[in-house]
C-alpha atoms as a PDB file:
ATOM      1  CA  MET A   1    -100.496 -30.274  43.761  1.00  0.00           C
ATOM      2  CA  SER A   2     -98.517 -33.198  42.812  1.00  0.00           C
ATOM      3  CA  SER A   3    -100.782 -34.227  39.863  1.00  0.00           C
ATOM      4  CA  PHE A   4     -99.758 -30.604  38.506  1.00  0.00           C
ATOM      5  CA  TRP A   5     -96.254 -30.990  38.882  1.00  0.00           C
ATOM      6  CA  GLU A   6     -95.882 -34.690  37.329  1.00  0.00           C
ATOM      7  CA  SER A   7     -98.731 -34.441  34.823  1.00  0.00           C
ATOM      8  CA  GLY A   8     -96.277 -32.634  32.372  1.00  0.00           C
ATOM      9  CA  THR A   9     -99.172 -31.925  29.908  1.00  0.00           C
ATOM     10  CA  ARG A  10     -99.450 -28.181  30.969  1.00  0.00           C
ATOM     11  CA  SER A  11     -98.547 -25.939  27.741  1.00  0.00           C
ATOM     12  CA  VAL A  12     -95.220 -24.033  27.685  1.00  0.00           C
ATOM     13  CA  THR A  13     -97.476 -20.880  27.673  1.00  0.00           C
ATOM     14  CA  SER A  14     -99.610 -21.719  30.766  1.00  0.00           C
ATOM     15  CA  GLN A  15     -96.081 -22.049  32.428  1.00  0.00           C
ATOM     16  CA  TRP A  16     -94.724 -18.963  31.572  1.00  0.00           C
ATOM     17  CA  ILE A  17     -98.175 -17.107  32.594  1.00  0.00           C
ATOM     18  CA  VAL A  18     -97.664 -18.769  36.135  1.00  0.00           C
ATOM     19  CA  VAL A  19     -93.678 -17.819  36.245  1.00  0.00           C
ATOM     20  CA  LEU A  20     -94.530 -14.209  35.257  1.00  0.00           C
ATOM     21  CA  VAL A  21     -97.916 -13.922  37.869  1.00  0.00           C
ATOM     22  CA  VAL A  22     -95.779 -14.988  40.698  1.00  0.00           C
ATOM     23  CA  ALA A  23     -92.830 -12.296  39.851  1.00  0.00           C
ATOM     24  CA  ALA A  24     -95.185  -9.722  39.219  1.00  0.00           C
ATOM     25  CA  ALA A  25     -96.825 -10.172  42.604  1.00  0.00           C
ATOM     26  CA  ALA A  26     -93.720 -10.295  44.451  1.00  0.00           C
ATOM     27  CA  ALA A  27     -92.365  -7.442  42.613  1.00  0.00           C
ATOM     28  CA  VAL A  28     -95.574  -5.349  43.613  1.00  0.00           C
ATOM     29  CA  ALA A  29     -95.382  -6.741  47.014  1.00  0.00           C
ATOM     30  CA  MET A  30     -91.742  -5.511  47.533  1.00  0.00           C
ATOM     31  CA  SER A  31     -92.363  -2.287  45.749  1.00  0.00           C
ATOM     32  CA  GLU A  32     -92.044   0.717  48.342  1.00  0.00           C
ATOM     33  CA  ALA A  33     -95.485   2.336  46.966  1.00  0.00           C
ATOM     34  CA  VAL A  34     -97.369  -0.515  48.139  1.00  0.00           C
ATOM     35  CA  VAL A  35     -95.520  -0.833  51.505  1.00  0.00           C
ATOM     36  CA  GLN A  36     -96.108   2.735  52.204  1.00  0.00           C
ATOM     37  CA  LYS A  37    -100.375   2.402  51.493  1.00  0.00           C
ATOM     38  CA  LEU A  38    -100.536  -0.474  53.293  1.00  0.00           C
ATOM     39  CA  SER A  39     -99.170   1.100  56.241  1.00  0.00           C
ATOM     40  CA  ILE A  40    -101.199   3.863  55.915  1.00  0.00           C
ATOM     41  CA  ALA A  41    -104.278   1.619  55.607  1.00  0.00           C
ATOM     42  CA  ALA A  42    -102.994  -0.274  58.720  1.00  0.00           C
ATOM     43  CA  ILE A  43    -103.075   2.476  60.999  1.00  0.00           C
ATOM     44  CA  TYR A  44    -106.435   3.992  59.866  1.00  0.00           C
ATOM     45  CA  ALA A  45    -107.858   0.878  60.415  1.00  0.00           C
ATOM     46  CA  THR A  46    -106.585  -0.111  63.822  1.00  0.00           C
ATOM     47  CA  GLY A  47    -105.494   2.808  65.195  1.00  0.00           C
ATOM     48  CA  VAL A  48    -102.126   1.988  65.965  1.00  0.00           C
ATOM     49  CA  GLN A  49     -99.285   4.091  64.917  1.00  0.00           C
ATOM     50  CA  SER A  50     -96.691   1.743  63.717  1.00  0.00           C
ATOM     51  CA  THR A  51     -94.457   1.469  60.702  1.00  0.00           C
ATOM     52  CA  SER A  52     -94.302  -2.338  60.836  1.00  0.00           C
ATOM     53  CA  TRP A  53     -97.639  -2.750  59.441  1.00  0.00           C
ATOM     54  CA  GLY A  54     -96.335  -2.156  55.644  1.00  0.00           C
ATOM     55  CA  TRP A  55     -93.839  -5.073  56.181  1.00  0.00           C
ATOM     56  CA  PHE A  56     -96.549  -7.733  56.069  1.00  0.00           C
ATOM     57  CA  PRO A  57     -95.493  -7.874  51.989  1.00  0.00           C
ATOM     58  CA  VAL A  58     -92.335  -8.281  52.449  1.00  0.00           C
ATOM     59  CA  VAL A  59     -93.066 -11.228  54.620  1.00  0.00           C
ATOM     60  CA  VAL A  60     -95.375 -12.605  52.053  1.00  0.00           C
ATOM     61  CA  ALA A  61     -92.679 -12.218  49.347  1.00  0.00           C
ATOM     62  CA  ALA A  62     -90.166 -13.916  51.534  1.00  0.00           C
ATOM     63  CA  THR A  63     -92.426 -16.863  52.170  1.00  0.00           C
ATOM     64  CA  VAL A  64     -93.132 -17.184  48.674  1.00  0.00           C
ATOM     65  CA  THR A  65     -89.361 -17.543  48.014  1.00  0.00           C
ATOM     66  CA  VAL A  66     -89.140 -20.110  50.761  1.00  0.00           C
ATOM     67  CA  ALA A  67     -91.813 -22.205  49.304  1.00  0.00           C
ATOM     68  CA  LEU A  68     -90.944 -21.933  45.691  1.00  0.00           C
ATOM     69  CA  ALA A  69     -87.349 -22.857  46.982  1.00  0.00           C
ATOM     70  CA  ILE A  70     -88.434 -25.897  48.964  1.00  0.00           C
ATOM     71  CA  ALA A  71     -90.536 -27.024  45.630  1.00  0.00           C
ATOM     72  CA  ALA A  72     -87.702 -26.638  43.130  1.00  0.00           C
ATOM     73  CA  ALA A  73     -85.717 -28.721  45.639  1.00  0.00           C
ATOM     74  CA  ILE A  74     -87.821 -31.399  46.257  1.00  0.00           C
ATOM     75  CA  LEU A  75     -89.380 -31.630  42.640  1.00  0.00           C
ATOM     76  CA  PRO A  76     -88.892 -35.051  41.314  1.00  0.00           C
ATOM     77  CA  LYS A  77     -86.074 -35.594  38.761  1.00  0.00           C
ATOM     78  CA  GLY A  78     -87.942 -38.636  36.930  1.00  0.00           C
ATOM     79  CA  GLU A  79     -88.847 -38.178  33.282  1.00  0.00           C
ATOM     80  CA  LYS A  80     -92.414 -36.873  33.941  1.00  0.00           C
ATOM     81  CA  VAL A  81     -91.143 -33.552  35.383  1.00  0.00           C
ATOM     82  CA  PRO A  82     -89.924 -31.408  32.277  1.00  0.00           C
ATOM     83  CA  SER A  83     -86.371 -29.903  33.139  1.00  0.00           C
ATOM     84  CA  MET A  84     -87.402 -26.760  31.468  1.00  0.00           C
ATOM     85  CA  TRP A  85     -90.009 -25.826  34.271  1.00  0.00           C
ATOM     86  CA  SER A  86     -87.540 -27.069  37.071  1.00  0.00           C
ATOM     87  CA  ALA A  87     -85.010 -24.448  35.873  1.00  0.00           C
ATOM     88  CA  ARG A  88     -87.609 -21.753  35.560  1.00  0.00           C
ATOM     89  CA  VAL A  89     -88.957 -22.681  39.047  1.00  0.00           C
ATOM     90  CA  ARG A  90     -85.247 -22.100  40.334  1.00  0.00           C
ATOM     91  CA  SER A  91     -84.248 -19.109  38.416  1.00  0.00           C
ATOM     92  CA  LEU A  92     -87.404 -17.717  39.803  1.00  0.00           C
ATOM     93  CA  SER A  93     -86.832 -18.585  43.345  1.00  0.00           C
ATOM     94  CA  ALA A  94     -83.269 -16.933  43.253  1.00  0.00           C
ATOM     95  CA  ILE A  95     -84.826 -13.631  41.996  1.00  0.00           C
ATOM     96  CA  LEU A  96     -87.424 -13.900  44.653  1.00  0.00           C
ATOM     97  CA  LEU A  97     -84.900 -14.406  47.155  1.00  0.00           C
ATOM     98  CA  LEU A  98     -82.819 -11.418  46.263  1.00  0.00           C
ATOM     99  CA  TRP A  99     -85.969  -9.541  46.627  1.00  0.00           C
ATOM    100  CA  ALA A 100     -86.991 -10.651  50.143  1.00  0.00           C
ATOM    101  CA  SER A 101     -83.380 -10.110  51.084  1.00  0.00           C
ATOM    102  CA  ALA A 102     -83.710  -6.417  50.240  1.00  0.00           C
ATOM    103  CA  PRO A 103     -84.392  -5.270  53.704  1.00  0.00           C
ATOM    104  CA  LEU A 104     -81.351  -6.912  55.446  1.00  0.00           C
ATOM    105  CA  LEU A 105     -79.072  -5.569  52.760  1.00  0.00           C
ATOM    106  CA  LEU A 106     -80.129  -2.167  53.202  1.00  0.00           C
ATOM    107  CA  SER A 107     -80.050  -2.706  57.140  1.00  0.00           C
ATOM    108  CA  TRP A 108     -76.512  -3.664  56.417  1.00  0.00           C
ATOM    109  CA  ALA A 109     -75.778  -1.088  54.094  1.00  0.00           C
ATOM    110  CA  ALA A 110     -77.330   1.661  56.769  1.00  0.00           C
ATOM    111  CA  ALA A 111     -75.052   0.261  59.776  1.00  0.00           C
ATOM    112  CA  ALA A 112     -71.761   0.677  57.004  1.00  0.00           C
ATOM    113  CA  TRP A 113     -72.531   3.900  56.534  1.00  0.00           C
ATOM    114  CA  LEU A 114     -73.216   5.074  60.011  1.00  0.00           C
ATOM    115  CA  ARG A 115     -70.019   3.170  61.006  1.00  0.00           C
ATOM    116  CA  HIS A 116     -68.131   5.053  58.552  1.00  0.00           C
ATOM    117  CA  HIS A 117     -69.729   8.522  59.607  1.00  0.00           C
ATOM    118  CA  ILE A 118     -69.092   8.147  63.292  1.00  0.00           C
ATOM    119  CA  PHE A 119     -65.990   6.105  63.676  1.00  0.00           C
ATOM    120  CA  GLY A 120     -64.193   7.103  60.367  1.00  0.00           C
ATOM    121  CA  PRO A 121     -63.073   5.303  57.226  1.00  0.00           C
ATOM    122  CA  SER A 122     -61.590   1.582  57.614  1.00  0.00           C
ATOM    123  CA  PHE A 123     -58.838   2.105  55.472  1.00  0.00           C
ATOM    124  CA  THR A 124     -56.030   5.625  55.662  1.00  0.00           C
ATOM    125  CA  LYS A 125     -55.911   6.552  52.249  1.00  0.00           C
ATOM    126  CA  GLY A 126     -52.227   6.329  51.124  1.00  0.00           C
ATOM    127  CA  ALA A 127     -50.070   9.177  49.619  1.00  0.00           C
ATOM    128  CA  PRO A 128     -47.613   7.671  46.879  1.00  0.00           C
ATOM    129  CA  LYS A 129     -44.725   9.748  45.544  1.00  0.00           C
ATOM    130  CA  LYS A 130     -46.129   9.668  42.179  1.00  0.00           C
ATOM    131  CA  GLN A 131     -49.983   9.301  42.094  1.00  0.00           C
ATOM    132  CA  LEU A 132     -50.887   7.472  39.062  1.00  0.00           C
ATOM    133  CA  LYS A 133     -53.903   7.515  36.594  1.00  0.00           C
ATOM    134  CA  VAL A 134     -55.035   3.743  36.192  1.00  0.00           C
ATOM    135  CA  LEU A 135     -57.613   2.580  34.227  1.00  0.00           C
ATOM    136  CA  VAL A 136     -59.284  -0.791  35.377  1.00  0.00           C
ATOM    137  CA  THR A 137     -61.287  -2.830  33.081  1.00  0.00           C
ATOM    138  CA  GLY A 138     -64.055  -5.419  33.107  1.00  0.00           C
ATOM    139  CA  GLY A 139     -66.383  -3.240  35.692  1.00  0.00           C
ATOM    140  CA  LYS A 140     -68.904  -6.135  35.939  1.00  0.00           C
ATOM    141  CA  MET A 141     -66.512  -8.385  37.854  1.00  0.00           C
ATOM    142  CA  SER A 142     -66.419  -8.158  41.501  1.00  0.00           C
ATOM    143  CA  LYS A 143     -62.426  -8.624  40.968  1.00  0.00           C
ATOM    144  CA  ALA A 144     -62.764  -5.142  38.997  1.00  0.00           C
ATOM    145  CA  SER A 145     -64.193  -3.725  42.261  1.00  0.00           C
ATOM    146  CA  ALA A 146     -61.440  -5.310  44.489  1.00  0.00           C
ATOM    147  CA  VAL A 147     -58.467  -3.638  42.018  1.00  0.00           C
ATOM    148  CA  ALA A 148     -60.503  -0.100  42.118  1.00  0.00           C
ATOM    149  CA  ARG A 149     -60.677   0.029  45.742  1.00  0.00           C
ATOM    150  CA  ALA A 150     -57.278  -1.272  46.360  1.00  0.00           C
ATOM    151  CA  VAL A 151     -55.972   1.207  44.136  1.00  0.00           C
ATOM    152  CA  GLY A 152     -57.601   3.950  45.229  1.00  0.00           C
ATOM    153  CA  ARG A 153     -56.558   3.427  48.856  1.00  0.00           C
ATOM    154  CA  ASP A 154     -53.268   3.365  47.893  1.00  0.00           C
ATOM    155  CA  GLY A 155     -53.808   7.035  46.749  1.00  0.00           C
ATOM    156  CA  HIS A 156     -53.959   6.840  43.061  1.00  0.00           C
ATOM    157  CA  LYS A 157     -56.579   8.027  40.712  1.00  0.00           C
ATOM    158  CA  VAL A 158     -59.221   5.379  39.203  1.00  0.00           C
ATOM    159  CA  PHE A 159     -61.305   5.145  36.052  1.00  0.00           C
ATOM    160  CA  THR A 160     -63.151   2.280  35.355  1.00  0.00           C
ATOM    161  CA  ALA A 161     -64.638   0.869  31.876  1.00  0.00           C
ATOM    162  CA  GLU A 162     -66.739  -2.000  30.891  1.00  0.00           C
ATOM    163  CA  ILE A 163     -68.314  -3.289  27.584  1.00  0.00           C
ATOM    164  CA  LEU A 164     -71.789  -2.995  26.141  1.00  0.00           C
ATOM    165  CA  PRO A 165     -74.305  -3.625  27.259  1.00  0.00           C
ATOM    166  CA  TYR A 166     -73.136  -3.510  31.011  1.00  0.00           C
ATOM    167  CA  ARG A 167     -73.399   0.222  31.024  1.00  0.00           C
ATOM    168  CA  TYR A 168     -74.703   0.226  34.937  1.00  0.00           C
ATOM    169  CA  CYS A 169     -72.263  -2.103  36.344  1.00  0.00           C
ATOM    170  CA  HIS A 170     -71.503  -1.637  40.149  1.00  0.00           C
ATOM    171  CA  THR A 171     -67.985  -0.756  39.954  1.00  0.00           C
ATOM    172  CA  ARG A 172     -69.053   2.406  38.476  1.00  0.00           C
ATOM    173  CA  TYR A 173     -70.338   3.700  41.662  1.00  0.00           C
ATOM    174  CA  CYS A 174     -67.441   3.081  43.823  1.00  0.00           C
ATOM    175  CA  THR A 175     -66.115   5.858  45.905  1.00  0.00           C
ATOM    176  CA  TYR A 176     -62.664   5.622  44.600  1.00  0.00           C
ATOM    177  CA  VAL A 177     -63.737   5.784  40.771  1.00  0.00           C
ATOM    178  CA  SER A 178     -63.621   9.045  39.333  1.00  0.00           C
ATOM    179  CA  LYS A 179     -65.037   8.497  35.946  1.00  0.00           C
ATOM    180  CA  HIS A 180     -66.692   5.201  34.185  1.00  0.00           C
ATOM    181  CA  TYR A 181     -66.591   4.326  30.590  1.00  0.00           C
ATOM    182  CA  VAL A 182     -68.454   2.376  28.169  1.00  0.00           C
ATOM    183  CA  LEU A 183     -66.400   0.448  25.553  1.00  0.00           C
ATOM    184  CA  PRO A 184     -67.606  -1.245  22.146  1.00  0.00           C
ATOM    185  CA  ARG A 185     -66.746  -5.021  22.210  1.00  0.00           C
ATOM    186  CA  PRO A 186     -63.132  -5.828  21.006  1.00  0.00           C
ATOM    187  CA  THR A 187     -64.302  -8.958  19.687  1.00  0.00           C
ATOM    188  CA  VAL A 188     -67.030  -7.315  17.501  1.00  0.00           C
ATOM    189  CA  GLU A 189     -65.704  -3.782  16.921  1.00  0.00           C
ATOM    190  CA  PRO A 190     -62.106  -3.852  17.354  1.00  0.00           C
ATOM    191  CA  GLU A 191     -60.820  -0.786  15.904  1.00  0.00           C
ATOM    192  CA  GLU A 192     -63.934   0.955  17.419  1.00  0.00           C
ATOM    193  CA  TRP A 193     -62.716  -0.425  21.031  1.00  0.00           C
ATOM    194  CA  GLU A 194     -59.065   0.584  20.300  1.00  0.00           C
ATOM    195  CA  ALA A 195     -60.057   4.024  19.413  1.00  0.00           C
ATOM    196  CA  ALA A 196     -62.035   4.402  22.257  1.00  0.00           C
ATOM    197  CA  ILE A 197     -59.182   3.113  24.424  1.00  0.00           C
ATOM    198  CA  GLN A 198     -56.744   5.426  22.923  1.00  0.00           C
ATOM    199  CA  ALA A 199     -59.398   8.413  23.526  1.00  0.00           C
ATOM    200  CA  ILE A 200     -59.458   7.454  27.291  1.00  0.00           C
ATOM    201  CA  ILE A 201     -55.470   7.132  27.660  1.00  0.00           C
ATOM    202  CA  GLU A 202     -55.204  11.023  25.898  1.00  0.00           C
ATOM    203  CA  GLU A 203     -58.207  12.558  27.829  1.00  0.00           C
ATOM    204  CA  GLN A 204     -57.400  11.357  31.469  1.00  0.00           C
ATOM    205  CA  GLY A 205     -53.389  10.815  30.931  1.00  0.00           C
ATOM    206  CA  ILE A 206     -53.738   7.149  31.773  1.00  0.00           C
ATOM    207  CA  ASP A 207     -50.109   5.877  33.187  1.00  0.00           C
ATOM    208  CA  LEU A 208     -51.388   2.122  33.874  1.00  0.00           C
ATOM    209  CA  ILE A 209     -54.178  -0.021  32.497  1.00  0.00           C
ATOM    210  CA  ILE A 210     -55.513  -3.383  34.742  1.00  0.00           C
ATOM    211  CA  PRO A 211     -57.932  -5.553  32.595  1.00  0.00           C
ATOM    212  CA  CYS A 212     -59.980  -7.471  34.779  1.00  0.00           C
ATOM    213  CA  THR A 213     -61.904  -8.583  32.033  1.00  0.00           C
ATOM    214  CA  ALA A 214     -62.849 -12.133  30.577  1.00  0.00           C
ATOM    215  CA  PRO A 215     -59.872 -13.750  28.995  1.00  0.00           C
ATOM    216  CA  VAL A 216     -60.940 -13.147  25.252  1.00  0.00           C
ATOM    217  CA  GLU A 217     -61.197  -9.364  26.150  1.00  0.00           C
ATOM    218  CA  SER A 218     -57.756  -9.683  28.167  1.00  0.00           C
ATOM    219  CA  SER A 219     -56.033 -10.948  25.335  1.00  0.00           C
ATOM    220  CA  ALA A 220     -57.090  -7.918  23.377  1.00  0.00           C
ATOM    221  CA  TYR A 221     -55.452  -5.913  25.845  1.00  0.00           C
ATOM    222  CA  ALA A 222     -52.171  -7.911  25.698  1.00  0.00           C
ATOM    223  CA  HIS A 223     -52.095  -7.165  21.801  1.00  0.00           C
ATOM    224  CA  LEU A 224     -52.612  -3.677  22.488  1.00  0.00           C
ATOM    225  CA  ARG A 225     -49.502  -3.072  24.582  1.00  0.00           C
ATOM    226  CA  GLU A 226     -47.185  -2.354  21.508  1.00  0.00           C
ATOM    227  CA  ARG A 227     -49.491   0.208  19.987  1.00  0.00           C
ATOM    228  CA  LEU A 228     -49.923   2.326  23.183  1.00  0.00           C
ATOM    229  CA  PRO A 229     -47.937   5.222  24.001  1.00  0.00           C
ATOM    230  CA  LYS A 230     -44.782   4.413  25.583  1.00  0.00           C
ATOM    231  CA  HIS A 231     -45.470   5.772  29.200  1.00  0.00           C
ATOM    232  CA  VAL A 232     -48.857   3.541  29.408  1.00  0.00           C
ATOM    233  CA  ARG A 233     -47.980   0.029  31.269  1.00  0.00           C
ATOM    234  CA  VAL A 234     -50.794  -2.709  30.591  1.00  0.00           C
ATOM    235  CA  PHE A 235     -50.959  -5.082  33.841  1.00  0.00           C
ATOM    236  CA  ALA A 236     -50.936  -8.197  31.523  1.00  0.00           C
ATOM    237  CA  PHE A 237     -48.661 -10.422  29.277  1.00  0.00           C
ATOM    238  CA  ASP A 238     -47.490  -9.765  26.122  1.00  0.00           C
ATOM    239  CA  GLY A 239     -49.681 -10.972  23.241  1.00  0.00           C
ATOM    240  CA  GLU A 240     -47.966 -14.032  22.236  1.00  0.00           C
ATOM    241  CA  ILE A 241     -47.692 -15.536  25.695  1.00  0.00           C
ATOM    242  CA  SER A 242     -51.073 -14.418  26.316  1.00  0.00           C
ATOM    243  CA  ASP A 243     -52.373 -16.113  23.388  1.00  0.00           C
ATOM    244  CA  GLU A 244     -50.077 -19.579  24.460  1.00  0.00           C
ATOM    245  CA  LEU A 245     -51.331 -19.237  28.081  1.00  0.00           C
ATOM    246  CA  ASP A 246     -55.087 -18.954  26.780  1.00  0.00           C
ATOM    247  CA  ASN A 247     -55.185 -22.202  24.750  1.00  0.00           C
ATOM    248  CA  LYS A 248     -55.655 -25.006  26.666  1.00  0.00           C
ATOM    249  CA  PHE A 249     -53.542 -27.155  24.372  1.00  0.00           C
ATOM    250  CA  THR A 250     -50.750 -24.842  24.282  1.00  0.00           C
ATOM    251  CA  PHE A 251     -50.601 -24.135  27.984  1.00  0.00           C
ATOM    252  CA  ASN A 252     -50.397 -27.859  28.497  1.00  0.00           C
ATOM    253  CA  GLN A 253     -47.661 -28.348  26.051  1.00  0.00           C
ATOM    254  CA  ALA A 254     -45.873 -25.440  27.887  1.00  0.00           C
ATOM    255  CA  LEU A 255     -46.197 -27.430  31.081  1.00  0.00           C
ATOM    256  CA  VAL A 256     -44.972 -30.353  29.473  1.00  0.00           C
ATOM    257  CA  LYS A 257     -41.602 -28.912  27.960  1.00  0.00           C
ATOM    258  CA  ALA A 258     -41.125 -27.382  31.516  1.00  0.00           C
ATOM    259  CA  GLY A 259     -41.193 -30.942  33.055  1.00  0.00           C
ATOM    260  CA  LEU A 260     -44.139 -30.341  35.118  1.00  0.00           C
ATOM    261  CA  SER A 261     -46.927 -32.879  35.582  1.00  0.00           C
ATOM    262  CA  CYS A 262     -50.130 -32.323  33.944  1.00  0.00           C
ATOM    263  CA  PRO A 263     -53.061 -34.133  32.676  1.00  0.00           C
ATOM    264  CA  GLU A 264     -52.547 -35.948  29.533  1.00  0.00           C
ATOM    265  CA  THR A 265     -54.238 -33.415  26.670  1.00  0.00           C
ATOM    266  CA  GLY A 266     -54.734 -33.906  22.920  1.00  0.00           C
ATOM    267  CA  ASN A 267     -55.699 -31.112  20.295  1.00  0.00           C
ATOM    268  CA  MET A 268     -58.869 -32.400  18.139  1.00  0.00           C
ATOM    269  CA  GLU A 269     -59.974 -30.404  15.642  1.00  0.00           C
ATOM    270  CA  SER A 270     -61.794 -33.367  13.598  1.00  0.00           C
ATOM    271  CA  LEU A 271     -63.300 -36.689  14.203  1.00  0.00           C
ATOM    272  CA  GLU A 272     -60.247 -38.386  12.921  1.00  0.00           C
ATOM    273  CA  ASP A 273     -58.178 -36.400  15.316  1.00  0.00           C
ATOM    274  CA  ALA A 274     -60.065 -37.908  17.923  1.00  0.00           C
ATOM    275  CA  LEU A 275     -59.970 -41.436  16.655  1.00  0.00           C
ATOM    276  CA  GLU A 276     -56.171 -41.046  16.789  1.00  0.00           C
ATOM    277  CA  PHE A 277     -56.099 -39.981  19.970  1.00  0.00           C
ATOM    278  CA  PHE A 278     -57.798 -42.946  21.538  1.00  0.00           C
ATOM    279  CA  GLU A 279     -56.357 -45.458  19.311  1.00  0.00           C
ATOM    280  CA  GLY A 280     -54.472 -47.810  21.269  1.00  0.00           C
ATOM    281  CA  LYS A 281     -55.617 -46.580  24.790  1.00  0.00           C
ATOM    282  CA  PRO A 282     -56.849 -48.976  27.363  1.00  0.00           C
ATOM    283  CA  LEU A 283     -60.210 -49.414  28.638  1.00  0.00           C
ATOM    284  CA  ASP A 284     -59.472 -49.013  32.327  1.00  0.00           C
ATOM    285  CA  GLY A 285     -62.375 -46.730  33.093  1.00  0.00           C
ATOM    286  CA  LYS A 286     -60.326 -43.397  32.664  1.00  0.00           C
ATOM    287  CA  LYS A 287     -62.200 -40.183  31.009  1.00  0.00           C
ATOM    288  CA  PHE A 288     -61.406 -37.287  29.549  1.00  0.00           C
ATOM    289  CA  ILE A 289     -63.003 -33.688  29.495  1.00  0.00           C
ATOM    290  CA  VAL A 290     -64.058 -32.340  25.861  1.00  0.00           C
ATOM    291  CA  LYS A 291     -63.813 -28.486  26.236  1.00  0.00           C
ATOM    292  CA  PRO A 292     -63.005 -25.799  23.926  1.00  0.00           C
ATOM    293  CA  ALA A 293     -59.094 -25.072  23.336  1.00  0.00           C
ATOM    294  CA  VAL A 294     -59.662 -21.115  23.980  1.00  0.00           C
ATOM    295  CA  TYR A 295     -62.498 -19.448  26.004  1.00  0.00           C
ATOM    296  CA  ASP A 296     -65.886 -19.749  24.963  1.00  0.00           C
ATOM    297  CA  PRO A 297     -68.693 -18.496  27.580  1.00  0.00           C
ATOM    298  CA  LYS A 298     -71.271 -20.264  25.777  1.00  0.00           C
ATOM    299  CA  ALA A 299     -69.512 -23.344  25.317  1.00  0.00           C
ATOM    300  CA  ARG A 300     -67.619 -23.671  28.757  1.00  0.00           C
ATOM    301  CA  THR A 301     -70.800 -24.877  30.422  1.00  0.00           C
ATOM    302  CA  GLU A 302     -71.372 -27.886  27.815  1.00  0.00           C
ATOM    303  CA  ILE A 303     -68.692 -30.606  29.528  1.00  0.00           C
ATOM    304  CA  LEU A 304     -68.340 -33.522  27.904  1.00  0.00           C
ATOM    305  CA  PHE A 305     -66.986 -36.735  29.007  1.00  0.00           C
ATOM    306  CA  LEU A 306     -65.250 -39.324  27.000  1.00  0.00           C
END
């Protein structure tokens, strides 16, 4: 086993074959059809009527998950081990862990369902003087689920929306959500996105929009405020303030003007800007973090220290 991990001579194709075979085996083991068939086979073979026979594949899948997780954790970090392979093992371990957790999650959901029907709901639905029609965007975010439930429990009518390709996000299945919408991306199709928002407002008579989206989309909602009907409110800053706060450098300058302590920040758009920023600074071991000035979902993970 150690020679397999340490050799580093396996081709990329063979590595992917191993990953796909293990993933397929786990998926088959966890499938409902296999569980049922193995249960029937075990009953016929032993004559013992028990529904627990079919859970052996689940145990196998859980064992494989734990084994892969341990393997990923103890892999040596030397140069002989390709980081690409280690990352694949860790990703596969996470996927298998979710599969292995399925029985526990289903049991938890069943217990919550029984509690709700036996003892009643945990929250009493509010009765506001005026029921608002609220559109909560960013449906794939957990914060969107929390906001939709909170607004729904207060007695308001809730609608949710999310951009493509997140068509089947969890928020659309929330009890308090009346209808879910799929939107174009505002950064790719701004005109189509705005037209879709305006259509939802007209169709449902929306009173309030609560963006729970990524910063780049929240900025689009902030700028949309001035083009919406007067009765529609957006739970966000206006466009100008939103842009200032979204940019790390202008946000830092706002803190400086307000007299608040904050990290030293420079705006670098070229190599010359970087050289000018570091010119004359003492070599005292102080490091600076290089990050994009505005939100970038890809570049934000590539943090550089200088």
